[in-house]
N, C-alpha and C. Protein backbone atom coordinates (compact mmCIF):
# COMPACT_ATOMS: atom_id res chain seq x y z
N MET A 1 84.64 60.84 47.70
CA MET A 1 85.14 59.72 47.54
C MET A 1 84.45 58.93 46.52
N ILE A 2 83.17 58.86 46.44
CA ILE A 2 82.47 58.10 45.39
C ILE A 2 82.60 58.80 44.05
N SER A 3 82.62 60.04 44.11
CA SER A 3 82.64 60.89 42.72
C SER A 3 84.20 60.50 42.05
N ARG A 4 85.00 60.13 42.71
CA ARG A 4 86.21 59.69 41.97
C ARG A 4 86.14 58.49 41.36
N TYR A 5 85.16 57.55 41.78
CA TYR A 5 84.88 56.34 40.71
C TYR A 5 83.48 56.42 40.36
N ALA A 6 82.83 57.58 39.83
CA ALA A 6 81.79 57.48 39.32
C ALA A 6 81.71 57.05 37.90
N SER A 7 82.55 57.22 37.20
CA SER A 7 82.64 56.62 35.79
C SER A 7 82.73 55.16 35.83
N VAL A 8 83.30 54.49 37.05
CA VAL A 8 83.48 53.06 36.97
C VAL A 8 82.31 52.66 37.44
N LEU A 9 81.32 53.17 38.40
CA LEU A 9 80.28 52.69 38.85
C LEU A 9 79.25 52.75 38.01
N TYR A 10 79.25 54.03 37.07
CA TYR A 10 78.22 54.13 36.07
C TYR A 10 78.35 52.92 35.03
N ILE A 11 79.46 52.76 34.48
CA ILE A 11 79.52 51.67 33.46
C ILE A 11 79.34 50.39 34.20
N LEU A 12 79.51 50.18 35.52
CA LEU A 12 79.29 48.92 36.02
C LEU A 12 77.68 48.58 36.28
N GLY A 13 77.08 49.86 36.57
CA GLY A 13 75.57 49.76 36.70
C GLY A 13 74.91 49.45 35.29
N ILE A 14 75.62 49.96 34.08
CA ILE A 14 74.86 49.67 32.75
C ILE A 14 75.22 48.21 32.52
N LEU A 15 76.39 47.71 32.89
CA LEU A 15 76.62 46.25 32.58
C LEU A 15 75.97 45.43 33.33
N ILE A 16 75.58 45.69 34.63
CA ILE A 16 74.60 44.87 35.55
C ILE A 16 73.16 44.97 35.06
N THR A 17 72.95 46.10 34.47
CA THR A 17 71.38 46.29 34.08
C THR A 17 71.52 45.33 32.80
N GLY A 18 72.33 45.39 31.97
CA GLY A 18 72.38 44.61 30.74
C GLY A 18 72.40 43.04 31.03
N PHE A 19 73.08 42.70 32.11
CA PHE A 19 73.02 41.33 32.50
C PHE A 19 71.71 40.79 33.23
N GLY A 20 71.18 41.61 33.65
CA GLY A 20 69.74 41.39 34.18
C GLY A 20 68.75 41.15 33.08
N VAL A 21 68.96 41.92 32.00
CA VAL A 21 68.19 41.93 30.67
C VAL A 21 68.47 40.44 29.96
N LEU A 22 69.57 40.02 30.05
CA LEU A 22 69.87 38.79 29.60
C LEU A 22 69.27 37.56 30.17
N MET A 23 68.97 37.89 31.59
CA MET A 23 68.05 36.87 32.13
C MET A 23 66.84 36.66 31.65
N LEU A 24 66.30 37.57 30.89
CA LEU A 24 64.85 37.32 30.39
C LEU A 24 64.96 36.27 29.38
N LEU A 25 65.96 35.77 28.78
CA LEU A 25 65.99 34.67 28.00
C LEU A 25 65.74 33.41 28.67
N PRO A 26 66.24 32.99 29.79
CA PRO A 26 65.86 31.84 30.57
C PRO A 26 64.41 32.10 31.26
N LEU A 27 64.20 33.29 31.38
CA LEU A 27 62.77 33.43 32.11
C LEU A 27 61.82 33.08 31.08
N THR A 28 61.96 33.46 29.84
CA THR A 28 61.10 33.28 28.78
C THR A 28 60.99 31.87 28.55
N LEU A 29 62.10 31.33 28.56
CA LEU A 29 62.19 29.61 28.29
C LEU A 29 61.42 28.99 29.48
N SER A 30 61.57 29.46 30.69
CA SER A 30 60.94 28.81 31.77
C SER A 30 59.30 28.86 31.67
N TRP A 31 58.94 30.21 31.25
CA TRP A 31 57.38 30.09 30.98
C TRP A 31 56.92 29.36 29.85
N LEU A 32 57.64 29.21 28.73
CA LEU A 32 57.20 28.48 27.85
C LEU A 32 57.24 27.00 28.14
N SER A 33 58.37 26.51 28.72
CA SER A 33 58.49 25.16 29.06
C SER A 33 57.78 24.71 30.41
N ALA A 34 57.31 25.76 31.03
CA ALA A 34 56.39 25.46 32.41
C ALA A 34 57.40 24.40 33.33
N ASP A 35 58.50 24.79 33.53
CA ASP A 35 59.59 24.18 34.21
C ASP A 35 59.54 24.48 35.73
N GLY A 36 58.64 25.55 36.12
CA GLY A 36 58.61 25.90 37.57
C GLY A 36 59.79 26.93 38.13
N ALA A 37 60.75 27.31 37.37
CA ALA A 37 61.81 28.03 37.86
C ALA A 37 61.53 29.53 37.69
N HIS A 38 60.31 29.89 37.18
CA HIS A 38 60.03 31.44 36.76
C HIS A 38 60.19 32.22 37.75
N SER A 39 59.66 31.84 38.95
CA SER A 39 59.70 32.75 40.02
C SER A 39 61.09 33.19 40.65
N ALA A 40 62.04 32.12 40.40
CA ALA A 40 63.37 32.44 40.72
C ALA A 40 63.95 33.57 39.80
N TYR A 41 63.64 33.42 38.55
CA TYR A 41 64.19 34.52 37.49
C TYR A 41 63.17 35.81 37.57
N ASP A 42 62.06 35.67 38.01
CA ASP A 42 61.29 36.92 38.30
C ASP A 42 62.16 37.76 39.46
N GLU A 43 62.58 37.10 40.39
CA GLU A 43 63.24 37.78 41.49
C GLU A 43 64.68 38.28 41.15
N ALA A 44 65.22 37.32 40.43
CA ALA A 44 66.60 37.71 39.99
C ALA A 44 66.63 38.73 38.98
N VAL A 45 65.77 38.85 38.01
CA VAL A 45 65.69 39.99 37.17
C VAL A 45 65.38 41.29 37.74
N LEU A 46 64.48 41.18 38.78
CA LEU A 46 64.15 42.31 39.44
C LEU A 46 65.43 43.07 40.28
N ILE A 47 66.03 42.07 40.90
CA ILE A 47 67.11 42.56 41.89
C ILE A 47 68.27 42.85 41.08
N THR A 48 68.66 42.36 39.86
CA THR A 48 69.76 42.75 39.01
C THR A 48 69.57 43.94 38.22
N VAL A 49 68.40 43.98 37.68
CA VAL A 49 68.10 45.33 36.69
C VAL A 49 67.93 46.57 37.58
N ALA A 50 67.18 46.33 38.90
CA ALA A 50 67.07 47.64 39.94
C ALA A 50 68.35 47.83 40.31
N SER A 51 69.10 47.07 40.78
CA SER A 51 70.64 47.36 41.25
C SER A 51 71.43 48.18 40.42
N GLY A 52 71.31 47.56 38.93
CA GLY A 52 71.97 48.19 37.87
C GLY A 52 71.62 49.74 37.53
N ILE A 53 70.19 49.84 37.67
CA ILE A 53 69.75 51.07 37.36
C ILE A 53 70.04 52.19 38.47
N ILE A 54 69.84 51.69 39.82
CA ILE A 54 70.11 52.67 40.81
C ILE A 54 71.40 52.99 40.78
N LEU A 55 72.40 52.03 40.66
CA LEU A 55 73.77 52.29 40.77
C LEU A 55 74.24 53.43 39.50
N SER A 56 73.65 53.15 38.21
CA SER A 56 74.07 54.06 37.28
C SER A 56 73.42 55.52 37.55
N LEU A 57 72.20 55.53 37.83
CA LEU A 57 71.43 56.71 37.96
C LEU A 57 72.20 57.56 39.30
N SER A 58 72.76 56.92 40.31
CA SER A 58 73.17 57.49 41.28
C SER A 58 74.52 58.28 41.26
N VAL A 59 75.13 57.82 40.30
CA VAL A 59 76.48 58.47 40.03
C VAL A 59 76.76 58.92 38.58
N ARG A 60 75.67 59.26 37.74
CA ARG A 60 75.74 59.59 36.32
C ARG A 60 76.26 60.94 36.10
N LYS A 61 75.91 61.75 37.18
CA LYS A 61 76.58 63.20 37.17
C LYS A 61 77.94 63.55 37.29
N GLY A 62 78.51 62.51 38.05
CA GLY A 62 80.02 62.54 38.50
C GLY A 62 80.95 62.02 37.43
N ARG A 63 80.39 61.63 36.34
CA ARG A 63 81.19 60.66 35.27
C ARG A 63 82.38 61.80 34.73
N ARG A 64 83.52 61.15 34.53
CA ARG A 64 84.66 61.73 34.01
C ARG A 64 85.47 60.61 33.01
N GLU A 65 86.25 61.09 32.51
CA GLU A 65 87.26 60.23 31.52
C GLU A 65 87.80 59.00 32.27
N MET A 66 87.97 58.00 32.05
CA MET A 66 88.34 56.81 32.73
C MET A 66 89.76 56.52 32.29
N ARG A 67 90.69 56.47 33.56
CA ARG A 67 92.01 56.25 33.40
C ARG A 67 92.29 54.59 33.44
N VAL A 68 93.60 54.25 33.37
CA VAL A 68 94.03 52.74 33.42
C VAL A 68 93.43 52.19 34.71
N ARG A 69 94.00 52.93 35.78
CA ARG A 69 93.59 52.32 37.11
C ARG A 69 91.87 52.21 37.29
N ASP A 70 91.20 53.22 36.60
CA ASP A 70 89.78 53.07 36.73
C ASP A 70 89.34 51.65 35.93
N SER A 71 90.07 51.50 34.83
CA SER A 71 89.72 50.40 34.10
C SER A 71 90.07 49.08 34.81
N ILE A 72 91.07 49.08 35.46
CA ILE A 72 91.57 47.63 36.25
C ILE A 72 90.45 47.41 37.32
N LEU A 73 90.15 48.63 38.00
CA LEU A 73 89.18 48.49 39.01
C LEU A 73 87.68 47.88 38.34
N LEU A 74 87.37 48.42 37.09
CA LEU A 74 86.21 47.96 36.63
C LEU A 74 86.21 46.50 36.35
N VAL A 75 87.16 46.28 35.70
CA VAL A 75 87.49 44.56 35.31
C VAL A 75 87.37 43.73 36.52
N ALA A 76 88.06 44.39 37.63
CA ALA A 76 88.02 43.61 38.89
C ALA A 76 86.53 43.40 39.39
N LEU A 77 85.75 44.57 39.30
CA LEU A 77 84.34 44.59 39.81
C LEU A 77 83.45 43.89 38.76
N ILE A 78 83.77 43.89 37.63
CA ILE A 78 82.94 42.96 36.76
C ILE A 78 83.00 41.55 36.86
N TRP A 79 84.14 41.07 37.37
CA TRP A 79 84.45 39.64 37.57
C TRP A 79 84.08 39.26 38.78
N SER A 80 83.94 40.13 39.55
CA SER A 80 83.48 39.73 41.11
C SER A 80 82.05 39.87 41.36
N LEU A 81 81.42 40.97 40.68
CA LEU A 81 79.96 41.16 40.88
C LEU A 81 79.02 40.49 40.07
N LEU A 82 79.36 40.50 38.73
CA LEU A 82 78.40 39.71 37.85
C LEU A 82 78.12 38.36 38.14
N PRO A 83 79.24 37.48 38.56
CA PRO A 83 78.65 36.21 39.09
C PRO A 83 77.85 36.32 40.40
N ALA A 84 77.86 37.31 41.07
CA ALA A 84 76.83 37.37 42.30
C ALA A 84 75.50 37.51 41.71
N PHE A 85 75.21 38.40 40.56
CA PHE A 85 74.10 38.55 40.05
C PHE A 85 73.57 37.19 39.45
N GLY A 86 74.62 36.39 38.62
CA GLY A 86 74.31 35.33 37.78
C GLY A 86 74.07 34.03 38.76
N ALA A 87 74.51 34.24 40.01
CA ALA A 87 74.26 33.10 41.00
C ALA A 87 72.62 33.22 41.49
N LEU A 88 72.06 34.32 41.38
CA LEU A 88 70.72 34.36 41.87
C LEU A 88 69.68 33.29 41.53
N PRO A 89 69.54 33.44 40.06
CA PRO A 89 68.43 32.10 39.64
C PRO A 89 68.90 30.90 40.27
N LEU A 90 70.00 30.50 40.36
CA LEU A 90 70.46 29.15 40.83
C LEU A 90 70.22 28.99 42.32
N TYR A 91 70.66 30.02 43.03
CA TYR A 91 70.32 30.17 44.55
C TYR A 91 69.00 30.16 44.95
N LEU A 92 68.02 30.83 44.08
CA LEU A 92 66.74 31.16 44.48
C LEU A 92 65.87 29.71 44.16
N HIS A 93 66.29 28.85 43.21
CA HIS A 93 65.38 27.79 42.57
C HIS A 93 66.04 26.61 43.19
N ILE A 94 67.32 26.20 43.28
CA ILE A 94 67.84 25.00 43.64
C ILE A 94 67.87 24.83 45.02
N ALA A 95 66.94 23.97 45.44
CA ALA A 95 66.86 23.79 46.89
C ALA A 95 68.10 22.89 47.61
N GLY A 96 68.59 23.63 48.66
CA GLY A 96 69.78 23.13 49.23
C GLY A 96 71.13 23.76 48.89
N LEU A 97 71.18 24.45 47.83
CA LEU A 97 72.23 25.07 47.21
C LEU A 97 72.82 25.99 48.04
N SER A 98 73.82 25.97 48.59
CA SER A 98 74.60 27.27 49.44
C SER A 98 74.88 28.41 48.26
N TRP A 99 74.80 29.55 49.01
CA TRP A 99 75.23 30.67 48.17
C TRP A 99 76.75 30.66 47.80
N SER A 100 77.50 30.09 48.48
CA SER A 100 79.01 29.94 47.82
C SER A 100 78.95 28.83 46.67
N ASP A 101 78.14 28.14 46.69
CA ASP A 101 78.09 26.94 45.42
C ASP A 101 77.38 27.78 44.38
N ALA A 102 76.47 28.51 44.75
CA ALA A 102 75.54 29.21 43.48
C ALA A 102 76.66 30.20 42.76
N TYR A 103 77.42 30.75 43.66
CA TYR A 103 78.47 31.69 43.23
C TYR A 103 79.61 30.94 42.38
N PHE A 104 80.16 29.76 42.99
CA PHE A 104 81.04 29.21 42.12
C PHE A 104 80.63 28.49 40.86
N GLU A 105 79.34 28.05 40.77
CA GLU A 105 78.59 27.95 39.48
C GLU A 105 78.65 29.10 38.50
N ALA A 106 78.28 30.37 38.96
CA ALA A 106 78.26 31.57 38.16
C ALA A 106 79.64 31.90 37.73
N VAL A 107 80.66 31.80 38.75
CA VAL A 107 82.03 32.21 38.27
C VAL A 107 82.72 31.17 37.22
N SER A 108 82.31 29.92 37.33
CA SER A 108 82.61 28.97 36.56
C SER A 108 82.02 29.13 35.05
N GLY A 109 80.68 29.52 34.91
CA GLY A 109 80.05 29.91 33.86
C GLY A 109 80.91 31.18 33.11
N LEU A 110 80.96 32.28 33.90
CA LEU A 110 81.44 33.58 33.31
C LEU A 110 82.93 33.50 32.87
N THR A 111 83.53 32.55 33.64
CA THR A 111 84.98 32.36 33.26
C THR A 111 85.27 31.22 32.10
N ALA A 112 84.14 30.49 31.98
CA ALA A 112 84.15 29.51 31.09
C ALA A 112 85.05 28.39 31.42
N THR A 113 85.22 28.06 32.55
CA THR A 113 85.93 27.05 33.08
C THR A 113 85.35 25.57 32.97
N GLY A 114 84.12 25.55 33.13
CA GLY A 114 83.26 24.22 32.99
C GLY A 114 83.22 23.49 34.37
N ALA A 115 83.87 24.09 35.44
CA ALA A 115 83.79 23.31 36.58
C ALA A 115 82.26 23.47 37.32
N THR A 116 81.86 22.39 38.08
CA THR A 116 80.47 22.48 38.66
C THR A 116 80.82 21.78 40.03
N VAL A 117 79.67 22.15 40.74
CA VAL A 117 79.38 21.52 42.20
C VAL A 117 78.11 20.82 42.05
N LEU A 118 77.47 20.83 41.14
CA LEU A 118 76.13 20.42 40.99
C LEU A 118 76.19 19.01 40.51
N SER A 119 75.20 18.32 41.18
CA SER A 119 75.13 16.92 40.80
C SER A 119 73.66 16.74 40.38
N GLY A 120 73.24 15.67 39.46
CA GLY A 120 71.94 15.58 38.95
C GLY A 120 71.50 16.60 38.23
N ARG A 121 72.34 17.08 37.34
CA ARG A 121 71.94 18.25 36.49
C ARG A 121 71.00 17.93 35.68
N ASP A 122 70.85 16.59 35.01
CA ASP A 122 69.81 16.10 34.11
C ASP A 122 68.40 16.27 34.86
N GLU A 123 68.33 16.40 36.10
CA GLU A 123 66.87 16.65 36.57
C GLU A 123 66.61 18.17 36.96
N LEU A 124 67.52 18.99 36.70
CA LEU A 124 67.27 20.52 36.82
C LEU A 124 66.26 20.94 35.71
N PRO A 125 65.67 21.93 36.13
CA PRO A 125 64.87 22.56 34.85
C PRO A 125 65.45 22.93 33.61
N VAL A 126 64.79 22.85 32.68
CA VAL A 126 65.58 23.28 31.33
C VAL A 126 66.18 24.84 31.31
N SER A 127 65.40 25.58 31.89
CA SER A 127 65.84 26.87 32.00
C SER A 127 66.90 27.10 33.02
N ILE A 128 67.18 26.54 34.01
CA ILE A 128 68.28 26.75 34.89
C ILE A 128 69.47 26.06 34.15
N ASN A 129 69.34 24.89 33.47
CA ASN A 129 70.49 24.39 32.62
C ASN A 129 70.99 25.34 31.43
N PHE A 130 69.81 25.95 31.13
CA PHE A 130 70.15 26.85 29.71
C PHE A 130 70.95 28.18 30.31
N TRP A 131 70.56 28.52 31.61
CA TRP A 131 71.04 29.71 32.30
C TRP A 131 72.70 29.34 32.43
N ARG A 132 72.90 28.30 33.08
CA ARG A 132 74.25 27.84 33.24
C ARG A 132 75.23 27.77 32.07
N THR A 133 74.48 27.29 30.86
CA THR A 133 75.36 27.20 29.70
C THR A 133 75.46 28.33 28.93
N PHE A 134 74.50 29.34 29.13
CA PHE A 134 74.35 30.72 28.56
C PHE A 134 75.41 31.58 29.07
N MET A 135 75.70 31.30 30.59
CA MET A 135 76.70 31.95 31.17
C MET A 135 78.02 31.72 30.65
N HIS A 136 78.16 30.25 30.42
CA HIS A 136 79.46 29.79 29.57
C HIS A 136 79.47 30.79 28.21
N TRP A 137 78.66 30.82 27.51
CA TRP A 137 78.71 31.43 26.24
C TRP A 137 79.01 32.69 26.34
N VAL A 138 78.35 33.52 27.28
CA VAL A 138 78.72 34.82 27.41
C VAL A 138 80.19 35.15 27.84
N GLY A 139 80.59 34.38 28.68
CA GLY A 139 81.83 34.32 29.39
C GLY A 139 83.01 33.78 28.50
N GLY A 140 82.61 32.86 27.55
CA GLY A 140 83.75 32.09 26.68
C GLY A 140 84.32 33.22 25.83
N LEU A 141 83.81 34.46 25.36
CA LEU A 141 84.65 35.27 24.76
C LEU A 141 84.83 36.40 25.58
N GLY A 142 84.05 36.65 26.72
CA GLY A 142 84.53 37.57 27.59
C GLY A 142 83.54 38.74 27.93
N VAL A 143 83.06 38.70 29.00
CA VAL A 143 82.16 39.89 29.34
C VAL A 143 82.90 41.29 29.10
N VAL A 144 84.34 41.21 29.31
CA VAL A 144 84.97 42.49 29.14
C VAL A 144 85.10 42.81 27.66
N VAL A 145 85.16 41.96 26.73
CA VAL A 145 85.21 42.22 25.30
C VAL A 145 83.87 42.64 24.90
N LEU A 146 82.84 42.35 25.57
CA LEU A 146 81.43 42.86 25.08
C LEU A 146 81.40 44.07 25.57
N ALA A 147 81.82 44.42 26.79
CA ALA A 147 81.90 45.80 27.47
C ALA A 147 82.67 46.70 26.50
N VAL A 148 83.85 46.23 26.16
CA VAL A 148 84.67 47.15 25.10
C VAL A 148 83.93 47.64 23.85
N ALA A 149 83.10 46.55 23.53
CA ALA A 149 82.22 46.77 22.20
C ALA A 149 81.33 47.97 22.63
N ILE A 150 80.68 47.94 23.70
CA ILE A 150 79.56 48.90 23.88
C ILE A 150 79.90 50.28 24.58
N LEU A 151 81.26 50.30 25.11
CA LEU A 151 81.61 51.39 25.91
C LEU A 151 81.75 52.71 24.82
N PRO A 152 81.97 52.82 23.67
CA PRO A 152 82.21 53.89 23.09
C PRO A 152 80.51 54.44 22.84
N LEU A 153 79.62 53.64 22.78
CA LEU A 153 78.46 54.09 22.58
C LEU A 153 77.90 54.99 23.86
N LEU A 154 78.63 54.73 24.89
CA LEU A 154 78.29 55.33 26.22
C LEU A 154 79.29 56.65 26.31
N GLY A 155 79.96 56.82 25.33
CA GLY A 155 80.98 58.01 25.52
C GLY A 155 82.25 57.62 26.20
N PHE A 156 82.59 56.43 26.19
CA PHE A 156 83.82 55.80 27.03
C PHE A 156 84.71 55.23 26.04
N GLY A 157 86.06 55.36 26.19
CA GLY A 157 86.95 54.60 25.31
C GLY A 157 87.05 53.06 26.20
N GLY A 158 87.36 52.05 25.38
CA GLY A 158 87.72 50.82 26.05
C GLY A 158 89.16 50.24 25.96
N ARG A 159 89.91 51.03 25.33
CA ARG A 159 91.36 50.47 25.14
C ARG A 159 92.08 50.20 26.49
N SER A 160 91.98 51.05 27.26
CA SER A 160 92.51 50.78 28.57
C SER A 160 92.07 49.68 29.44
N MET A 161 90.69 49.38 29.19
CA MET A 161 89.94 48.37 29.88
C MET A 161 90.33 46.92 29.22
N LEU A 162 90.63 46.92 28.08
CA LEU A 162 91.04 45.69 27.23
C LEU A 162 92.50 45.49 27.67
N LYS A 163 93.26 46.48 27.76
CA LYS A 163 94.66 46.28 28.25
C LYS A 163 94.72 45.67 29.64
N ALA A 164 93.71 46.13 30.45
CA ALA A 164 93.76 45.65 31.89
C ALA A 164 93.49 44.22 31.71
N GLU A 165 92.64 43.70 30.95
CA GLU A 165 92.22 42.44 30.75
C GLU A 165 92.90 41.35 30.07
N THR A 166 93.73 41.99 29.02
CA THR A 166 94.64 41.09 28.20
C THR A 166 95.93 40.59 29.03
N PRO A 167 96.28 39.39 29.02
CA PRO A 167 97.47 38.70 29.64
C PRO A 167 98.47 38.85 28.57
N GLY A 168 99.89 38.99 29.18
CA GLY A 168 101.12 38.49 28.37
C GLY A 168 101.44 39.79 27.38
N PRO A 169 102.20 39.38 26.35
CA PRO A 169 102.87 40.39 25.62
C PRO A 169 101.95 41.07 24.50
N MET A 170 100.74 40.50 24.32
CA MET A 170 99.73 40.97 23.45
C MET A 170 99.05 42.36 23.95
N LYS A 171 99.12 43.00 24.81
CA LYS A 171 98.55 44.16 25.36
C LYS A 171 98.70 45.44 24.48
N ASP A 172 99.64 45.52 23.56
CA ASP A 172 99.69 46.52 22.70
C ASP A 172 99.37 46.22 21.24
N ALA A 173 99.31 44.83 21.14
CA ALA A 173 99.05 44.37 19.74
C ALA A 173 97.35 44.63 19.49
N ARG A 174 97.01 45.10 18.18
CA ARG A 174 95.62 45.00 17.81
C ARG A 174 95.43 44.24 16.56
N ILE A 175 94.22 43.46 16.59
CA ILE A 175 93.91 42.70 15.45
C ILE A 175 93.33 43.71 14.55
N THR A 176 92.55 44.65 14.51
CA THR A 176 92.13 45.70 13.63
C THR A 176 92.46 47.10 14.33
N PRO A 177 92.37 48.08 13.44
CA PRO A 177 92.80 49.34 13.78
C PRO A 177 91.98 50.05 15.06
N ARG A 178 90.83 49.68 15.18
CA ARG A 178 90.00 50.02 16.25
C ARG A 178 89.55 48.93 17.18
N ILE A 179 89.59 49.27 18.61
CA ILE A 179 89.22 48.30 19.69
C ILE A 179 87.78 47.58 19.30
N THR A 180 87.04 48.76 19.14
CA THR A 180 85.72 48.47 19.08
C THR A 180 85.31 47.30 18.00
N ALA A 181 86.03 47.75 16.87
CA ALA A 181 85.79 46.77 15.59
C ALA A 181 86.19 45.40 16.05
N THR A 182 87.58 45.26 16.71
CA THR A 182 87.98 44.05 16.89
C THR A 182 86.99 43.35 18.05
N ALA A 183 86.57 44.05 19.03
CA ALA A 183 85.53 43.44 19.99
C ALA A 183 84.16 42.96 19.12
N LYS A 184 83.61 43.80 18.40
CA LYS A 184 82.34 43.40 17.51
C LYS A 184 82.69 42.26 16.45
N GLY A 185 83.75 42.28 16.10
CA GLY A 185 84.17 41.10 15.05
C GLY A 185 84.25 39.97 15.86
N LEU A 186 84.99 39.91 16.81
CA LEU A 186 85.12 38.69 17.79
C LEU A 186 83.53 38.11 18.22
N TRP A 187 82.77 38.83 18.44
CA TRP A 187 81.24 38.60 18.69
C TRP A 187 80.42 38.20 17.51
N VAL A 188 80.57 38.66 16.35
CA VAL A 188 80.19 38.34 15.17
C VAL A 188 80.62 36.99 14.84
N VAL A 189 81.82 36.59 15.06
CA VAL A 189 82.28 35.25 14.78
C VAL A 189 81.80 34.31 15.71
N SER A 190 81.75 34.80 16.98
CA SER A 190 81.07 33.80 17.93
C SER A 190 79.46 33.39 17.79
N VAL A 191 78.73 34.47 17.39
CA VAL A 191 77.39 34.23 17.11
C VAL A 191 77.42 33.46 15.82
N ILE A 192 78.08 33.50 14.91
CA ILE A 192 77.89 32.61 13.64
C ILE A 192 78.39 31.28 13.94
N LEU A 193 79.39 30.97 14.77
CA LEU A 193 79.67 29.56 15.08
C LEU A 193 78.77 29.20 15.83
N THR A 194 78.09 29.88 16.74
CA THR A 194 76.95 29.43 17.71
C THR A 194 75.76 28.78 16.89
N ALA A 195 75.42 29.67 15.79
CA ALA A 195 74.22 29.40 15.12
C ALA A 195 74.57 28.26 13.99
N ALA A 196 75.75 28.13 13.85
CA ALA A 196 76.10 26.87 12.99
C ALA A 196 76.10 25.60 13.83
N CYS A 197 76.54 25.66 14.99
CA CYS A 197 76.46 24.57 15.78
C CYS A 197 75.08 24.09 16.29
């Protein structure tokens, strides 16, 4: 049964590992600013990276070409599991924050909705606020678009995954002839605008 979803789980494991690596940015900021949140990031990075590596290694031999339904499953898993890992630093550091509130914050960040359940955000450590806004930045263009940009490097096509994520009648329209070039172009524009701001 698991071998049927090996490709989905393999890619999910790689994305979770990459997401854990992104947590090194606020961890570094926490160490540099001595804001006291570094132990939460230490644990979160360890849990996230280890989970991603274990998942990828456990199913790597059963990989096959992904179909549209596999892509839909992958998109659903990305949007439900990445926030769980993104919530870890918040949950581990902010006293009294429930898991559901931490998960809500991470979902809000990765979907770029901007909603929050936290009060007193100005008193939070700088690295925690950075992580919250960084999740908005990553989610603003879309975790899935980022995945589409790197999937060809892993030997998988990303067109079916992008179709599963795209709403409305634009599913078959392309901005450039190659999906990967479109995704990379969107990320380049996003990085340039971020640097300009």
